Amino acid sequence: MKLLSYLPLAISLFAANADAGDTTVVFGDRYTFTEADFTFTAGQPNPAFPEWGQMTSDEYVAEFSVRGDDGQTLLFDLDADVWGYGHQADQALCPYIVDGVIHYREMAPLGDICIWGRKTVPGKDFRYSASVNISCSDMPVGVDIDNRNERLEDYVEMTNTYRGVRLRVDKQGVYDGQCKTMKIVVRPGLNQKIDQIDMDLFFGSPF
């Protein structure tokens, strides 16, 4: 993590609510993060159905002290690009015969019986997603989630599962002087792996 400045800045933090050319003069700190700045905790496997993979997602946590909360309005402006590997679950197919022709139907994950013996193929759902959750001294600040999920036309294996999403949190609020420790949590979807995090956070207040 790098702390870049503690200087007055003229920036458009909340562009959606501002007219073209409007700026907000703020005073605060700007931080940059990569995946190396986060503490990694692996997701838990599914003990009942290990073939399903994870029961909980991997987790990346950055926790650090912040300064400047004297009871005034605080600004939080976070941008993150999160790259990694998506997941394509297998799909079980059950054969059945109509007029002498073999067809296949997708089987439900639980409670589905196949008399003739099933076969397993790559599923049609490819998933890659990531989320970010920001809190300060256990008080919620903001969340965002994005995905690059795809629905395939056939049961074919994805050869390139590397994807990227962009996460953004723009928030302001009053924390009564209690915002002292920032916590940022990034999670991929189940059975997905994060490879790279490029994150920029501005934390400050109106000048």
N, C-alpha and C. Protein backbone atom coordinates (compact mmCIF):
# COMPACT_ATOMS: atom_id res chain seq x y z
N MET A 1 0.85 -1.19 0.00
CA MET A 1 0.00 0.00 0.00
C MET A 1 0.88 1.24 0.00
N LYS A 2 0.53 2.21 -0.81
CA LYS A 2 1.27 3.46 -0.87
C LYS A 2 0.35 4.62 -0.52
N LEU A 3 0.82 5.50 0.36
CA LEU A 3 0.13 6.74 0.70
C LEU A 3 0.73 7.84 -0.17
N LEU A 4 -0.09 8.42 -1.04
CA LEU A 4 0.44 9.34 -2.05
C LEU A 4 0.45 10.79 -1.61
N SER A 5 -0.57 11.24 -0.85
CA SER A 5 -0.61 12.67 -0.55
C SER A 5 -1.51 12.96 0.63
N TYR A 6 -1.29 14.13 1.20
CA TYR A 6 -2.21 14.67 2.19
C TYR A 6 -2.33 16.16 1.90
N LEU A 7 -2.81 16.46 0.68
CA LEU A 7 -2.82 17.83 0.16
C LEU A 7 -4.19 18.18 -0.37
N PRO A 8 -4.51 19.47 -0.45
CA PRO A 8 -5.77 19.87 -1.08
C PRO A 8 -5.79 19.44 -2.54
N LEU A 9 -6.89 18.87 -2.98
CA LEU A 9 -7.05 18.42 -4.36
C LEU A 9 -8.34 18.98 -4.92
N ALA A 10 -8.32 19.36 -6.18
CA ALA A 10 -9.54 19.79 -6.87
C ALA A 10 -9.94 18.69 -7.82
N ILE A 11 -10.96 17.91 -7.45
CA ILE A 11 -11.36 16.77 -8.24
C ILE A 11 -12.88 16.69 -8.30
N SER A 12 -13.37 16.00 -9.32
CA SER A 12 -14.80 15.75 -9.45
C SER A 12 -15.08 14.36 -8.89
N LEU A 13 -15.39 14.27 -7.61
CA LEU A 13 -15.60 12.97 -6.98
C LEU A 13 -16.96 12.40 -7.31
N PHE A 14 -17.97 13.24 -7.33
CA PHE A 14 -19.33 12.75 -7.53
C PHE A 14 -19.86 13.32 -8.83
N ALA A 15 -19.25 12.88 -9.92
CA ALA A 15 -19.56 13.45 -11.23
C ALA A 15 -21.01 13.25 -11.61
N ALA A 16 -21.63 12.18 -11.14
CA ALA A 16 -23.02 11.91 -11.50
C ALA A 16 -23.95 12.99 -10.97
N ASN A 17 -23.55 13.66 -9.91
CA ASN A 17 -24.38 14.68 -9.29
C ASN A 17 -23.89 16.09 -9.58
N ALA A 18 -22.88 16.20 -10.42
CA ALA A 18 -22.30 17.52 -10.68
C ALA A 18 -22.49 17.91 -12.13
N ASP A 19 -22.55 19.21 -12.37
CA ASP A 19 -22.60 19.70 -13.74
C ASP A 19 -21.23 19.56 -14.38
N ALA A 20 -21.21 19.59 -15.70
CA ALA A 20 -19.95 19.47 -16.42
C ALA A 20 -19.01 20.59 -16.00
N GLY A 21 -17.78 20.22 -15.67
CA GLY A 21 -16.78 21.20 -15.28
C GLY A 21 -16.77 21.51 -13.80
N ASP A 22 -17.78 21.04 -13.04
CA ASP A 22 -17.79 21.28 -11.60
C ASP A 22 -16.70 20.46 -10.93
N THR A 23 -16.09 21.04 -9.90
CA THR A 23 -15.08 20.33 -9.12
C THR A 23 -15.39 20.49 -7.65
N THR A 24 -14.87 19.54 -6.87
CA THR A 24 -14.99 19.60 -5.42
C THR A 24 -13.58 19.69 -4.85
N VAL A 25 -13.28 20.72 -4.08
CA VAL A 25 -11.97 20.85 -3.46
C VAL A 25 -11.97 20.05 -2.17
N VAL A 26 -11.06 19.08 -2.08
CA VAL A 26 -11.04 18.19 -0.92
C VAL A 26 -9.63 18.14 -0.35
N PHE A 27 -9.57 17.68 0.89
CA PHE A 27 -8.31 17.57 1.61
C PHE A 27 -8.24 16.17 2.17
N GLY A 28 -7.20 15.40 1.83
CA GLY A 28 -7.16 14.05 2.35
C GLY A 28 -6.01 13.23 1.81
N ASP A 29 -6.14 11.91 1.98
CA ASP A 29 -5.10 10.96 1.61
C ASP A 29 -5.53 10.13 0.41
N ARG A 30 -4.57 9.82 -0.44
CA ARG A 30 -4.82 8.91 -1.55
C ARG A 30 -3.90 7.70 -1.40
N TYR A 31 -4.51 6.53 -1.48
CA TYR A 31 -3.79 5.27 -1.30
C TYR A 31 -3.86 4.46 -2.59
N THR A 32 -2.81 3.68 -2.85
CA THR A 32 -2.85 2.71 -3.94
C THR A 32 -2.54 1.33 -3.37
N PHE A 33 -3.18 0.31 -3.94
CA PHE A 33 -3.03 -1.06 -3.47
C PHE A 33 -2.82 -2.00 -4.65
N THR A 34 -2.10 -3.07 -4.41
CA THR A 34 -2.07 -4.22 -5.30
C THR A 34 -2.47 -5.44 -4.48
N GLU A 35 -2.56 -6.59 -5.14
CA GLU A 35 -2.96 -7.81 -4.43
C GLU A 35 -2.00 -8.15 -3.29
N ALA A 36 -0.73 -7.69 -3.38
CA ALA A 36 0.24 -7.98 -2.34
C ALA A 36 -0.06 -7.24 -1.03
N ASP A 37 -0.89 -6.22 -1.08
CA ASP A 37 -1.23 -5.44 0.11
C ASP A 37 -2.39 -6.05 0.90
N PHE A 38 -2.97 -7.13 0.39
CA PHE A 38 -4.11 -7.75 1.05
C PHE A 38 -3.70 -9.06 1.71
N THR A 39 -4.34 -9.35 2.83
CA THR A 39 -4.18 -10.65 3.49
C THR A 39 -5.17 -11.64 2.88
N PHE A 40 -4.65 -12.77 2.41
CA PHE A 40 -5.47 -13.75 1.70
C PHE A 40 -5.95 -14.85 2.64
N THR A 41 -7.24 -15.16 2.54
CA THR A 41 -7.81 -16.31 3.25
C THR A 41 -8.56 -17.16 2.23
N ALA A 42 -8.19 -18.42 2.12
CA ALA A 42 -8.82 -19.31 1.15
C ALA A 42 -10.24 -19.64 1.56
N GLY A 43 -11.13 -19.79 0.58
CA GLY A 43 -12.49 -20.19 0.85
C GLY A 43 -12.56 -21.62 1.35
N GLN A 44 -13.65 -21.94 2.05
CA GLN A 44 -13.82 -23.27 2.62
C GLN A 44 -14.45 -24.22 1.60
N PRO A 45 -13.95 -25.46 1.54
CA PRO A 45 -14.56 -26.44 0.64
C PRO A 45 -15.92 -26.90 1.15
N ASN A 46 -16.70 -27.46 0.26
CA ASN A 46 -18.02 -27.98 0.63
C ASN A 46 -17.85 -29.41 1.12
N PRO A 47 -18.00 -29.67 2.43
CA PRO A 47 -17.76 -31.03 2.94
C PRO A 47 -18.83 -32.02 2.52
N ALA A 48 -20.05 -31.56 2.32
CA ALA A 48 -21.14 -32.47 1.96
C ALA A 48 -21.09 -32.85 0.49
N PHE A 49 -20.70 -31.88 -0.36
CA PHE A 49 -20.64 -32.13 -1.80
C PHE A 49 -19.32 -31.60 -2.33
N PRO A 50 -18.23 -32.32 -2.10
CA PRO A 50 -16.90 -31.82 -2.51
C PRO A 50 -16.78 -31.57 -4.01
N GLU A 51 -17.60 -32.27 -4.82
CA GLU A 51 -17.53 -32.05 -6.26
C GLU A 51 -18.03 -30.66 -6.65
N TRP A 52 -18.74 -29.98 -5.73
CA TRP A 52 -19.20 -28.63 -6.00
C TRP A 52 -18.12 -27.58 -5.77
N GLY A 53 -17.01 -27.98 -5.14
CA GLY A 53 -15.93 -27.03 -4.89
C GLY A 53 -16.13 -26.27 -3.59
N GLN A 54 -16.07 -24.95 -3.68
CA GLN A 54 -16.09 -24.11 -2.48
C GLN A 54 -17.49 -23.91 -1.92
N MET A 55 -17.53 -23.80 -0.59
CA MET A 55 -18.75 -23.40 0.11
C MET A 55 -18.73 -21.91 0.42
N THR A 56 -17.52 -21.35 0.60
CA THR A 56 -17.34 -19.92 0.78
C THR A 56 -16.23 -19.44 -0.15
N SER A 57 -16.28 -18.17 -0.52
CA SER A 57 -15.31 -17.61 -1.47
C SER A 57 -13.98 -17.29 -0.78
N ASP A 58 -12.93 -17.17 -1.59
CA ASP A 58 -11.67 -16.61 -1.11
C ASP A 58 -11.91 -15.18 -0.64
N GLU A 59 -11.00 -14.68 0.19
CA GLU A 59 -11.17 -13.34 0.74
C GLU A 59 -9.82 -12.63 0.80
N TYR A 60 -9.82 -11.38 0.35
CA TYR A 60 -8.64 -10.52 0.42
C TYR A 60 -8.99 -9.32 1.29
N VAL A 61 -8.22 -9.12 2.37
CA VAL A 61 -8.53 -8.08 3.35
C VAL A 61 -7.35 -7.14 3.53
N ALA A 62 -7.62 -5.83 3.44
CA ALA A 62 -6.64 -4.80 3.78
C ALA A 62 -7.23 -3.96 4.91
N GLU A 63 -6.49 -3.82 5.99
CA GLU A 63 -6.95 -3.06 7.15
C GLU A 63 -5.83 -2.12 7.58
N PHE A 64 -6.16 -0.82 7.74
CA PHE A 64 -5.12 0.16 8.01
C PHE A 64 -5.73 1.38 8.70
N SER A 65 -4.89 2.09 9.43
CA SER A 65 -5.32 3.29 10.15
C SER A 65 -5.47 4.45 9.18
N VAL A 66 -6.47 5.30 9.44
CA VAL A 66 -6.68 6.51 8.65
C VAL A 66 -6.77 7.71 9.59
N ARG A 67 -6.61 8.89 9.03
CA ARG A 67 -6.63 10.11 9.83
C ARG A 67 -7.59 11.12 9.21
N GLY A 68 -8.00 12.08 10.00
CA GLY A 68 -8.77 13.18 9.45
C GLY A 68 -10.23 13.23 9.81
N ASP A 69 -10.75 12.23 10.56
CA ASP A 69 -12.17 12.27 10.94
C ASP A 69 -12.32 13.07 12.22
N ASP A 70 -12.79 14.31 12.07
CA ASP A 70 -13.06 15.17 13.23
C ASP A 70 -14.55 15.44 13.37
N GLY A 71 -15.36 14.56 12.79
CA GLY A 71 -16.80 14.71 12.88
C GLY A 71 -17.43 15.36 11.67
N GLN A 72 -16.61 15.77 10.71
CA GLN A 72 -17.12 16.43 9.51
C GLN A 72 -17.55 15.38 8.47
N THR A 73 -18.08 15.84 7.35
CA THR A 73 -18.42 14.94 6.25
C THR A 73 -17.15 14.35 5.65
N LEU A 74 -17.15 13.04 5.47
CA LEU A 74 -16.01 12.34 4.88
C LEU A 74 -16.35 11.87 3.47
N LEU A 75 -15.34 11.86 2.62
CA LEU A 75 -15.50 11.40 1.24
C LEU A 75 -14.69 10.12 1.04
N PHE A 76 -15.30 9.14 0.40
CA PHE A 76 -14.65 7.88 0.06
C PHE A 76 -14.79 7.67 -1.45
N ASP A 77 -13.68 7.56 -2.14
CA ASP A 77 -13.70 7.38 -3.59
C ASP A 77 -12.75 6.24 -3.95
N LEU A 78 -13.29 5.08 -4.30
CA LEU A 78 -12.49 3.89 -4.57
C LEU A 78 -12.72 3.41 -6.00
N ASP A 79 -11.63 3.11 -6.69
CA ASP A 79 -11.66 2.46 -8.00
C ASP A 79 -10.76 1.24 -7.94
N ALA A 80 -11.23 0.12 -8.48
CA ALA A 80 -10.42 -1.10 -8.47
C ALA A 80 -10.66 -1.90 -9.73
N ASP A 81 -9.57 -2.37 -10.33
CA ASP A 81 -9.63 -3.36 -11.41
C ASP A 81 -9.19 -4.69 -10.82
N VAL A 82 -10.04 -5.69 -10.95
CA VAL A 82 -9.78 -7.00 -10.36
C VAL A 82 -9.79 -8.05 -11.47
N TRP A 83 -8.63 -8.66 -11.68
CA TRP A 83 -8.46 -9.65 -12.74
C TRP A 83 -8.29 -11.04 -12.14
N GLY A 84 -8.80 -12.04 -12.85
CA GLY A 84 -8.64 -13.39 -12.34
C GLY A 84 -9.23 -14.43 -13.26
N TYR A 85 -9.40 -15.63 -12.71
CA TYR A 85 -9.85 -16.78 -13.48
C TYR A 85 -11.26 -17.18 -13.08
N GLY A 86 -12.13 -17.26 -14.06
CA GLY A 86 -13.51 -17.64 -13.81
C GLY A 86 -13.67 -19.14 -13.68
N HIS A 87 -14.92 -19.55 -13.50
CA HIS A 87 -15.22 -20.96 -13.26
C HIS A 87 -16.37 -21.42 -14.15
N GLN A 88 -16.20 -22.60 -14.70
CA GLN A 88 -17.23 -23.24 -15.50
C GLN A 88 -17.53 -24.59 -14.87
N ALA A 89 -18.67 -24.70 -14.22
CA ALA A 89 -19.03 -25.95 -13.54
C ALA A 89 -19.42 -27.02 -14.56
N ASP A 90 -19.19 -28.27 -14.20
CA ASP A 90 -19.64 -29.37 -15.04
C ASP A 90 -21.15 -29.51 -14.98
N GLN A 91 -21.71 -30.11 -16.01
CA GLN A 91 -23.14 -30.37 -16.08
C GLN A 91 -23.37 -31.86 -16.35
N ALA A 92 -24.21 -32.47 -15.54
CA ALA A 92 -24.59 -33.87 -15.75
C ALA A 92 -25.76 -33.94 -16.72
N LEU A 93 -25.67 -34.84 -17.70
CA LEU A 93 -26.73 -35.05 -18.68
C LEU A 93 -27.25 -36.48 -18.56
N CYS A 94 -28.55 -36.61 -18.68
CA CYS A 94 -29.19 -37.92 -18.60
C CYS A 94 -29.82 -38.27 -19.96
N PRO A 95 -29.48 -39.43 -20.53
CA PRO A 95 -30.04 -39.79 -21.83
C PRO A 95 -31.47 -40.31 -21.71
N TYR A 96 -32.26 -40.04 -22.72
CA TYR A 96 -33.59 -40.64 -22.84
C TYR A 96 -33.88 -40.83 -24.33
N ILE A 97 -34.78 -41.73 -24.63
CA ILE A 97 -35.03 -42.12 -26.01
C ILE A 97 -36.45 -41.73 -26.42
N VAL A 98 -36.55 -41.07 -27.55
CA VAL A 98 -37.83 -40.72 -28.15
C VAL A 98 -37.82 -41.18 -29.60
N ASP A 99 -38.73 -42.09 -29.94
CA ASP A 99 -38.83 -42.63 -31.31
C ASP A 99 -37.51 -43.20 -31.79
N GLY A 100 -36.83 -43.86 -30.87
CA GLY A 100 -35.58 -44.51 -31.22
C GLY A 100 -34.37 -43.60 -31.30
N VAL A 101 -34.56 -42.32 -30.97
CA VAL A 101 -33.46 -41.35 -31.02
C VAL A 101 -33.05 -40.96 -29.60
N ILE A 102 -31.75 -40.98 -29.33
CA ILE A 102 -31.25 -40.63 -28.00
C ILE A 102 -31.17 -39.11 -27.86
N HIS A 103 -31.78 -38.61 -26.81
CA HIS A 103 -31.69 -37.19 -26.45
C HIS A 103 -31.08 -37.09 -25.05
N TYR A 104 -30.72 -35.88 -24.66
CA TYR A 104 -30.16 -35.66 -23.33
C TYR A 104 -30.85 -34.48 -22.66
N ARG A 105 -31.03 -34.63 -21.37
CA ARG A 105 -31.59 -33.53 -20.58
C ARG A 105 -30.61 -33.18 -19.46
N GLU A 106 -30.63 -31.93 -19.05
CA GLU A 106 -29.79 -31.51 -17.93
C GLU A 106 -30.37 -32.04 -16.63
N MET A 107 -29.50 -32.55 -15.78
CA MET A 107 -29.93 -33.08 -14.49
C MET A 107 -29.83 -32.00 -13.42
N ALA A 108 -30.76 -32.02 -12.48
CA ALA A 108 -30.70 -31.12 -11.34
C ALA A 108 -29.55 -31.55 -10.42
N PRO A 109 -28.97 -30.59 -9.65
CA PRO A 109 -27.85 -30.94 -8.78
C PRO A 109 -28.19 -31.99 -7.72
N LEU A 110 -29.43 -31.98 -7.23
CA LEU A 110 -29.82 -32.90 -6.16
C LEU A 110 -31.13 -33.58 -6.49
N GLY A 111 -31.26 -34.83 -6.07
CA GLY A 111 -32.53 -35.53 -6.13
C GLY A 111 -32.98 -35.95 -7.51
N ASP A 112 -32.10 -35.91 -8.49
CA ASP A 112 -32.47 -36.29 -9.86
C ASP A 112 -31.92 -37.69 -10.15
N ILE A 113 -32.76 -38.56 -10.67
CA ILE A 113 -32.37 -39.94 -10.94
C ILE A 113 -32.29 -40.16 -12.44
N CYS A 114 -31.22 -40.82 -12.85
CA CYS A 114 -31.03 -41.12 -14.27
C CYS A 114 -30.94 -42.64 -14.43
N ILE A 115 -31.91 -43.24 -15.09
CA ILE A 115 -31.99 -44.70 -15.19
C ILE A 115 -30.88 -45.26 -16.08
N TRP A 116 -30.58 -44.59 -17.19
CA TRP A 116 -29.67 -45.14 -18.18
C TRP A 116 -28.21 -44.78 -17.94
N GLY A 117 -27.92 -44.04 -16.91
CA GLY A 117 -26.54 -43.65 -16.67
C GLY A 117 -26.23 -42.29 -17.27
N ARG A 118 -25.74 -41.42 -16.44
CA ARG A 118 -25.52 -40.05 -16.89
C ARG A 118 -24.12 -39.88 -17.47
N LYS A 119 -23.91 -38.75 -18.17
CA LYS A 119 -22.58 -38.37 -18.59
C LYS A 119 -22.34 -36.93 -18.17
N THR A 120 -21.07 -36.60 -17.96
CA THR A 120 -20.71 -35.27 -17.48
C THR A 120 -19.98 -34.50 -18.57
N VAL A 121 -20.42 -33.26 -18.78
CA VAL A 121 -19.84 -32.40 -19.81
C VAL A 121 -19.60 -31.01 -19.21
N PRO A 122 -18.80 -30.16 -19.86
CA PRO A 122 -18.68 -28.77 -19.39
C PRO A 122 -20.03 -28.06 -19.45
N GLY A 123 -20.36 -27.34 -18.39
CA GLY A 123 -21.65 -26.65 -18.34
C GLY A 123 -21.69 -25.43 -19.25
N LYS A 124 -22.88 -24.91 -19.44
CA LYS A 124 -23.07 -23.74 -20.30
C LYS A 124 -22.88 -22.42 -19.56
N ASP A 125 -22.78 -22.46 -18.24
CA ASP A 125 -22.65 -21.22 -17.46
C ASP A 125 -21.20 -20.99 -17.07
N PHE A 126 -20.62 -19.90 -17.56
CA PHE A 126 -19.29 -19.47 -17.15
C PHE A 126 -19.45 -18.25 -16.26
N ARG A 127 -18.74 -18.26 -15.14
CA ARG A 127 -18.92 -17.17 -14.17
C ARG A 127 -17.58 -16.59 -13.73
N TYR A 128 -17.52 -15.26 -13.76
CA TYR A 128 -16.44 -14.52 -13.11
C TYR A 128 -17.02 -13.25 -12.52
N SER A 129 -16.82 -13.07 -11.23
CA SER A 129 -17.33 -11.88 -10.54
C SER A 129 -16.39 -11.53 -9.40
N ALA A 130 -16.52 -10.29 -8.94
CA ALA A 130 -15.77 -9.84 -7.77
C ALA A 130 -16.59 -8.76 -7.07
N SER A 131 -16.39 -8.67 -5.76
CA SER A 131 -17.09 -7.66 -4.97
C SER A 131 -16.10 -6.98 -4.04
N VAL A 132 -16.45 -5.75 -3.63
CA VAL A 132 -15.66 -5.03 -2.65
C VAL A 132 -16.59 -4.48 -1.59
N ASN A 133 -16.14 -4.54 -0.35
CA ASN A 133 -16.90 -4.03 0.79
C ASN A 133 -15.97 -3.15 1.62
N ILE A 134 -16.39 -1.91 1.86
CA ILE A 134 -15.58 -0.97 2.63
C ILE A 134 -16.29 -0.65 3.93
N SER A 135 -15.53 -0.69 5.03
CA SER A 135 -16.05 -0.25 6.32
C SER A 135 -14.96 0.55 7.02
N CYS A 136 -15.37 1.34 8.01
CA CYS A 136 -14.41 2.11 8.79
C CYS A 136 -14.76 1.97 10.26
N SER A 137 -13.84 1.39 11.02
CA SER A 137 -14.08 1.11 12.44
C SER A 137 -15.40 0.38 12.62
N ASP A 138 -15.62 -0.63 11.78
CA ASP A 138 -16.80 -1.50 11.80
C ASP A 138 -18.09 -0.81 11.37
N MET A 139 -18.01 0.42 10.87
CA MET A 139 -19.19 1.11 10.35
C MET A 139 -19.21 0.98 8.83
N PRO A 140 -20.35 0.59 8.24
CA PRO A 140 -20.41 0.38 6.80
C PRO A 140 -20.20 1.67 6.01
N VAL A 141 -19.47 1.56 4.91
CA VAL A 141 -19.23 2.69 4.02
C VAL A 141 -19.89 2.45 2.66
N GLY A 142 -19.54 1.35 1.99
CA GLY A 142 -20.11 1.09 0.68
C GLY A 142 -19.69 -0.25 0.12
N VAL A 143 -20.44 -0.73 -0.87
CA VAL A 143 -20.15 -2.00 -1.53
C VAL A 143 -20.34 -1.84 -3.04
N ASP A 144 -19.70 -2.73 -3.80
CA ASP A 144 -19.94 -2.81 -5.24
C ASP A 144 -19.63 -4.22 -5.69
N ILE A 145 -20.26 -4.64 -6.78
CA ILE A 145 -20.03 -5.96 -7.37
C ILE A 145 -20.17 -5.84 -8.87
N ASP A 146 -19.36 -6.60 -9.59
CA ASP A 146 -19.42 -6.61 -11.05
C ASP A 146 -19.11 -8.03 -11.52
N ASN A 147 -19.55 -8.37 -12.73
CA ASN A 147 -19.30 -9.72 -13.24
C ASN A 147 -19.07 -9.69 -14.75
N ARG A 148 -18.48 -10.76 -15.22
CA ARG A 148 -18.32 -11.03 -16.65
C ARG A 148 -18.86 -12.44 -16.94
N ASN A 149 -20.03 -12.72 -16.41
CA ASN A 149 -20.65 -14.02 -16.62
C ASN A 149 -21.08 -14.19 -18.07
N GLU A 150 -21.06 -15.42 -18.54
CA GLU A 150 -21.47 -15.73 -19.91
C GLU A 150 -22.33 -16.98 -19.93
N ARG A 151 -23.30 -17.01 -20.84
CA ARG A 151 -24.10 -18.20 -21.10
C ARG A 151 -23.70 -18.74 -22.47
N LEU A 152 -23.10 -19.93 -22.49
CA LEU A 152 -22.61 -20.51 -23.72
C LEU A 152 -23.73 -21.19 -24.49
N GLU A 153 -23.54 -21.31 -25.79
CA GLU A 153 -24.56 -21.92 -26.63
C GLU A 153 -24.50 -23.44 -26.61
N ASP A 154 -23.34 -24.00 -26.25
CA ASP A 154 -23.20 -25.46 -26.28
C ASP A 154 -22.34 -25.90 -25.10
N TYR A 155 -22.26 -27.20 -24.91
CA TYR A 155 -21.50 -27.77 -23.81
C TYR A 155 -20.04 -27.90 -24.23
N VAL A 156 -19.35 -26.78 -24.26
CA VAL A 156 -17.94 -26.76 -24.65
C VAL A 156 -17.12 -26.14 -23.53
N GLU A 157 -15.89 -26.58 -23.41
CA GLU A 157 -15.02 -26.07 -22.35
C GLU A 157 -14.41 -24.73 -22.75
N MET A 158 -14.49 -23.76 -21.85
CA MET A 158 -13.85 -22.47 -22.09
C MET A 158 -12.33 -22.64 -22.08
N THR A 159 -11.66 -22.17 -23.11
CA THR A 159 -10.21 -22.29 -23.16
C THR A 159 -9.52 -21.08 -22.53
N ASN A 160 -10.20 -19.94 -22.49
CA ASN A 160 -9.65 -18.74 -21.87
C ASN A 160 -10.60 -18.27 -20.78
N THR A 161 -10.24 -18.48 -19.53
CA THR A 161 -11.12 -18.13 -18.41
C THR A 161 -10.69 -16.85 -17.70
N TYR A 162 -9.69 -16.14 -18.25
CA TYR A 162 -9.17 -14.94 -17.60
C TYR A 162 -10.07 -13.75 -17.93
N ARG A 163 -10.54 -13.06 -16.90
CA ARG A 163 -11.44 -11.93 -17.07
C ARG A 163 -11.06 -10.82 -16.09
N GLY A 164 -11.65 -9.63 -16.32
CA GLY A 164 -11.45 -8.51 -15.42
C GLY A 164 -12.73 -7.74 -15.18
N VAL A 165 -12.89 -7.23 -13.98
CA VAL A 165 -14.04 -6.39 -13.65
C VAL A 165 -13.54 -5.10 -13.02
N ARG A 166 -14.38 -4.08 -13.06
CA ARG A 166 -14.07 -2.80 -12.43
C ARG A 166 -15.07 -2.54 -11.31
N LEU A 167 -14.54 -2.23 -10.15
CA LEU A 167 -15.36 -1.94 -8.97
C LEU A 167 -15.19 -0.47 -8.60
N ARG A 168 -16.30 0.16 -8.18
CA ARG A 168 -16.25 1.58 -7.83
C ARG A 168 -17.18 1.86 -6.67
N VAL A 169 -16.68 2.60 -5.70
CA VAL A 169 -17.48 3.05 -4.56
C VAL A 169 -17.26 4.54 -4.39
N ASP A 170 -18.32 5.33 -4.49
CA ASP A 170 -18.30 6.78 -4.23
C ASP A 170 -19.30 7.05 -3.11
N LYS A 171 -18.81 7.39 -1.94
CA LYS A 171 -19.69 7.60 -0.80
C LYS A 171 -19.23 8.81 0.00
N GLN A 172 -20.18 9.41 0.70
CA GLN A 172 -19.86 10.42 1.69
C GLN A 172 -20.77 10.23 2.89
N GLY A 173 -20.26 10.58 4.06
CA GLY A 173 -21.05 10.40 5.26
C GLY A 173 -20.35 11.00 6.46
N VAL A 174 -21.08 11.05 7.56
CA VAL A 174 -20.56 11.57 8.83
C VAL A 174 -20.43 10.41 9.80
N TYR A 175 -19.26 10.28 10.39
CA TYR A 175 -18.96 9.16 11.27
C TYR A 175 -18.60 9.60 12.69
N ASP A 176 -18.93 10.86 13.01
CA ASP A 176 -18.82 11.38 14.39
C ASP A 176 -17.43 11.20 14.99
N GLY A 177 -16.41 11.34 14.16
CA GLY A 177 -15.04 11.24 14.66
C GLY A 177 -14.59 9.84 14.99
N GLN A 178 -15.37 8.82 14.61
CA GLN A 178 -15.05 7.45 14.99
C GLN A 178 -14.38 6.65 13.87
N CYS A 179 -14.22 7.24 12.69
CA CYS A 179 -13.61 6.51 11.57
C CYS A 179 -12.09 6.57 11.72
N LYS A 180 -11.53 5.51 12.27
CA LYS A 180 -10.10 5.48 12.56
C LYS A 180 -9.37 4.35 11.83
N THR A 181 -10.07 3.25 11.56
CA THR A 181 -9.44 2.09 10.92
C THR A 181 -10.27 1.66 9.72
N MET A 182 -9.69 1.76 8.54
CA MET A 182 -10.37 1.38 7.31
C MET A 182 -10.16 -0.12 7.05
N LYS A 183 -11.22 -0.75 6.55
CA LYS A 183 -11.14 -2.17 6.18
C LYS A 183 -11.75 -2.34 4.79
N ILE A 184 -10.98 -2.94 3.89
CA ILE A 184 -11.43 -3.22 2.53
C ILE A 184 -11.38 -4.72 2.31
N VAL A 185 -12.50 -5.29 1.89
CA VAL A 185 -12.59 -6.74 1.65
C VAL A 185 -12.96 -6.97 0.19
N VAL A 186 -12.14 -7.73 -0.52
CA VAL A 186 -12.41 -8.09 -1.91
C VAL A 186 -12.63 -9.60 -1.98
N ARG A 187 -13.69 -10.00 -2.66
CA ARG A 187 -14.00 -11.43 -2.80
C ARG A 187 -14.31 -11.76 -4.26
N PRO A 188 -13.79 -12.87 -4.77
CA PRO A 188 -14.26 -13.38 -6.06
C PRO A 188 -15.49 -14.25 -5.83
N GLY A 189 -16.11 -14.70 -6.91
CA GLY A 189 -17.22 -15.63 -6.78
C GLY A 189 -16.72 -17.01 -6.36
N LEU A 190 -17.66 -17.90 -6.06
CA LEU A 190 -17.30 -19.26 -5.66
C LEU A 190 -16.49 -19.95 -6.75
N ASN A 191 -15.43 -20.63 -6.32
CA ASN A 191 -14.57 -21.42 -7.21
C ASN A 191 -13.83 -20.57 -8.24
N GLN A 192 -13.73 -19.28 -7.99
CA GLN A 192 -13.01 -18.37 -8.87
C GLN A 192 -11.77 -17.85 -8.15
N LYS A 193 -10.76 -17.46 -8.92
CA LYS A 193 -9.48 -17.07 -8.35
C LYS A 193 -9.07 -15.68 -8.83
N ILE A 194 -8.71 -14.83 -7.88
CA ILE A 194 -8.19 -13.50 -8.22
C ILE A 194 -6.69 -13.59 -8.49
N ASP A 195 -6.26 -12.95 -9.55
CA ASP A 195 -4.84 -12.93 -9.92
C ASP A 195 -4.21 -11.58 -9.67
N GLN A 196 -4.95 -10.49 -9.93
CA GLN A 196 -4.36 -9.15 -9.85
C GLN A 196 -5.40 -8.15 -9.36
N ILE A 197 -4.98 -7.28 -8.43
CA ILE A 197 -5.81 -6.18 -7.94
C ILE A 197 -5.04 -4.88 -8.12
N ASP A 198 -5.65 -3.93 -8.80
CA ASP A 198 -5.11 -2.57 -8.91
C ASP A 198 -6.17 -1.62 -8.36
N MET A 199 -5.88 -1.03 -7.20
CA MET A 199 -6.89 -0.26 -6.49
C MET A 199 -6.36 1.11 -6.10
N ASP A 200 -7.25 2.09 -6.18
CA ASP A 200 -6.93 3.46 -5.80
C ASP A 200 -8.04 3.96 -4.88
N LEU A 201 -7.68 4.49 -3.72
CA LEU A 201 -8.66 4.99 -2.75
C LEU A 201 -8.31 6.40 -2.33
N PHE A 202 -9.29 7.30 -2.44
CA PHE A 202 -9.14 8.62 -1.85
C PHE A 202 -10.05 8.70 -0.63
N PHE A 203 -9.48 9.17 0.49
CA PHE A 203 -10.23 9.34 1.74
C PHE A 203 -9.93 10.73 2.26
N GLY A 204 -10.98 11.55 2.41
CA GLY A 204 -10.76 12.91 2.88
C GLY A 204 -12.05 13.62 3.18
N SER A 205 -12.02 14.94 3.09
CA SER A 205 -13.19 15.75 3.43
C SER A 205 -13.14 17.06 2.64
N PRO A 206 -14.27 17.75 2.53
CA PRO A 206 -14.27 19.05 1.84
C PRO A 206 -13.29 20.01 2.50
N PHE A 207 -12.61 20.77 1.67
CA PHE A 207 -11.58 21.70 2.16
C PHE A 207 -12.22 22.98 2.68
